[in-house]
N, C-alpha and C. Protein backbone atom coordinates (compact mmCIF):
# COMPACT_ATOMS: atom_id res chain seq x y z
N UNK A 1 93.27 -3.99 16.50
CA UNK A 1 93.28 -2.59 16.85
C UNK A 1 92.03 -1.94 16.25
N UNK A 2 91.54 -0.92 16.92
CA UNK A 2 90.36 -0.25 16.38
C UNK A 2 90.78 0.99 15.59
N UNK A 3 89.80 1.66 15.01
CA UNK A 3 90.05 2.80 14.14
C UNK A 3 90.74 3.93 14.89
N UNK A 4 90.32 4.22 16.10
CA UNK A 4 90.92 5.33 16.86
C UNK A 4 92.37 5.05 17.21
N UNK A 5 92.70 3.82 17.54
CA UNK A 5 94.09 3.46 17.85
C UNK A 5 94.97 3.63 16.62
N UNK A 6 94.48 3.17 15.48
CA UNK A 6 95.25 3.27 14.23
C UNK A 6 95.40 4.74 13.83
N UNK A 7 94.35 5.52 14.00
CA UNK A 7 94.42 6.94 13.67
C UNK A 7 95.49 7.65 14.51
N UNK A 8 95.59 7.29 15.77
CA UNK A 8 96.61 7.88 16.64
C UNK A 8 98.02 7.51 16.17
N UNK A 9 98.19 6.27 15.75
CA UNK A 9 99.50 5.82 15.27
C UNK A 9 99.87 6.51 13.96
N UNK A 10 98.90 6.63 13.06
CA UNK A 10 99.16 7.25 11.75
C UNK A 10 99.08 8.76 11.79
N UNK A 11 98.67 9.32 12.93
CA UNK A 11 98.52 10.76 13.10
C UNK A 11 97.56 11.34 12.05
N UNK A 12 96.38 10.73 11.98
CA UNK A 12 95.35 11.20 11.06
C UNK A 12 93.99 11.06 11.74
N UNK A 13 92.93 11.44 11.06
CA UNK A 13 91.59 11.35 11.61
C UNK A 13 91.06 9.92 11.48
N UNK A 14 90.13 9.58 12.35
CA UNK A 14 89.50 8.26 12.30
C UNK A 14 88.75 8.07 10.98
N UNK A 15 88.19 9.14 10.44
CA UNK A 15 87.47 9.03 9.17
C UNK A 15 88.41 8.64 8.03
N UNK A 16 89.65 9.08 8.10
CA UNK A 16 90.64 8.70 7.09
C UNK A 16 90.94 7.21 7.17
N UNK A 17 91.06 6.70 8.38
CA UNK A 17 91.31 5.26 8.58
C UNK A 17 90.12 4.46 8.05
N UNK A 18 88.91 4.92 8.33
CA UNK A 18 87.71 4.23 7.82
C UNK A 18 87.71 4.20 6.30
N UNK A 19 88.09 5.31 5.67
CA UNK A 19 88.15 5.36 4.21
C UNK A 19 89.19 4.37 3.67
N UNK A 20 90.35 4.31 4.32
CA UNK A 20 91.38 3.37 3.90
C UNK A 20 90.89 1.92 4.01
N UNK A 21 90.12 1.65 5.05
CA UNK A 21 89.55 0.30 5.24
C UNK A 21 88.50 0.00 4.18
N UNK A 22 87.62 0.95 3.92
CA UNK A 22 86.56 0.75 2.92
C UNK A 22 87.13 0.50 1.53
N UNK A 23 88.18 1.22 1.16
CA UNK A 23 88.76 1.09 -0.17
C UNK A 23 89.67 -0.12 -0.30
N UNK A 24 90.02 -0.73 0.84
CA UNK A 24 90.89 -1.90 0.80
C UNK A 24 92.37 -1.56 0.83
N UNK A 25 92.69 -0.28 0.89
CA UNK A 25 94.09 0.13 0.96
C UNK A 25 94.73 -0.34 2.26
N UNK A 26 93.94 -0.35 3.32
CA UNK A 26 94.36 -0.88 4.62
C UNK A 26 93.49 -2.10 4.90
N UNK A 27 94.11 -3.25 4.99
CA UNK A 27 93.36 -4.49 5.19
C UNK A 27 92.75 -4.50 6.58
N UNK A 28 91.44 -4.72 6.64
CA UNK A 28 90.72 -4.70 7.91
C UNK A 28 89.49 -5.59 7.81
N UNK A 29 88.93 -5.90 8.98
CA UNK A 29 87.71 -6.70 9.04
C UNK A 29 86.60 -5.84 9.62
N UNK A 30 85.45 -5.87 8.98
CA UNK A 30 84.29 -5.13 9.46
C UNK A 30 83.63 -5.96 10.56
N UNK A 31 83.52 -5.39 11.74
CA UNK A 31 82.87 -6.07 12.86
C UNK A 31 81.76 -5.15 13.36
N UNK A 32 80.54 -5.52 13.06
CA UNK A 32 79.41 -4.67 13.41
C UNK A 32 79.49 -3.38 12.62
N UNK A 33 79.49 -2.25 13.34
CA UNK A 33 79.60 -0.95 12.68
C UNK A 33 81.05 -0.46 12.61
N UNK A 34 81.97 -1.16 13.27
CA UNK A 34 83.35 -0.71 13.33
C UNK A 34 84.29 -1.59 12.52
N UNK A 35 85.54 -1.21 12.55
CA UNK A 35 86.59 -1.93 11.84
C UNK A 35 87.61 -2.47 12.85
N UNK A 36 88.16 -3.63 12.53
CA UNK A 36 89.24 -4.20 13.32
C UNK A 36 90.44 -4.36 12.38
N UNK A 37 91.56 -3.76 12.74
CA UNK A 37 92.75 -3.78 11.91
C UNK A 37 93.83 -4.60 12.61
N UNK A 38 94.22 -5.74 12.03
CA UNK A 38 95.30 -6.53 12.64
C UNK A 38 96.62 -5.74 12.62
N UNK A 39 97.41 -5.91 13.66
CA UNK A 39 98.69 -5.20 13.75
C UNK A 39 99.59 -5.52 12.56
N UNK A 40 99.57 -6.76 12.10
CA UNK A 40 100.42 -7.14 10.97
C UNK A 40 100.01 -6.39 9.70
N UNK A 41 98.73 -6.17 9.52
CA UNK A 41 98.25 -5.43 8.34
C UNK A 41 98.63 -3.96 8.44
N UNK A 42 98.56 -3.40 9.64
CA UNK A 42 98.97 -2.02 9.83
C UNK A 42 100.46 -1.87 9.55
N UNK A 43 101.26 -2.81 10.04
CA UNK A 43 102.70 -2.78 9.79
C UNK A 43 102.98 -2.85 8.29
N UNK A 44 102.30 -3.75 7.57
CA UNK A 44 102.48 -3.87 6.13
C UNK A 44 102.10 -2.58 5.41
N UNK A 45 101.01 -1.95 5.85
CA UNK A 45 100.56 -0.70 5.26
C UNK A 45 101.62 0.38 5.44
N UNK A 46 102.17 0.50 6.64
CA UNK A 46 103.19 1.52 6.92
C UNK A 46 104.44 1.26 6.09
N UNK A 47 104.86 0.02 6.01
CA UNK A 47 106.07 -0.31 5.23
C UNK A 47 105.84 -0.03 3.75
N UNK A 48 104.65 -0.32 3.25
CA UNK A 48 104.34 -0.09 1.84
C UNK A 48 104.37 1.41 1.54
N UNK A 49 103.89 2.23 2.46
CA UNK A 49 103.86 3.68 2.25
C UNK A 49 105.25 4.30 2.36
N UNK A 50 106.17 3.65 3.03
CA UNK A 50 107.51 4.18 3.21
C UNK A 50 108.35 4.03 1.94
N UNK A 51 107.98 3.11 1.09
CA UNK A 51 108.76 2.85 -0.14
C UNK A 51 108.42 3.79 -1.23
């Protein structure tokens, strides 16, 4: 998933998703200038934040 897709799911700005990726709070892979976030990592992030 890309940053814009994740931002829509989390109901936040794309810049917030980029910050989460840069800090490692949301596990992602840097591909060129963008980020790729695996669905399993997004699911883990959401579950972690719910606790």
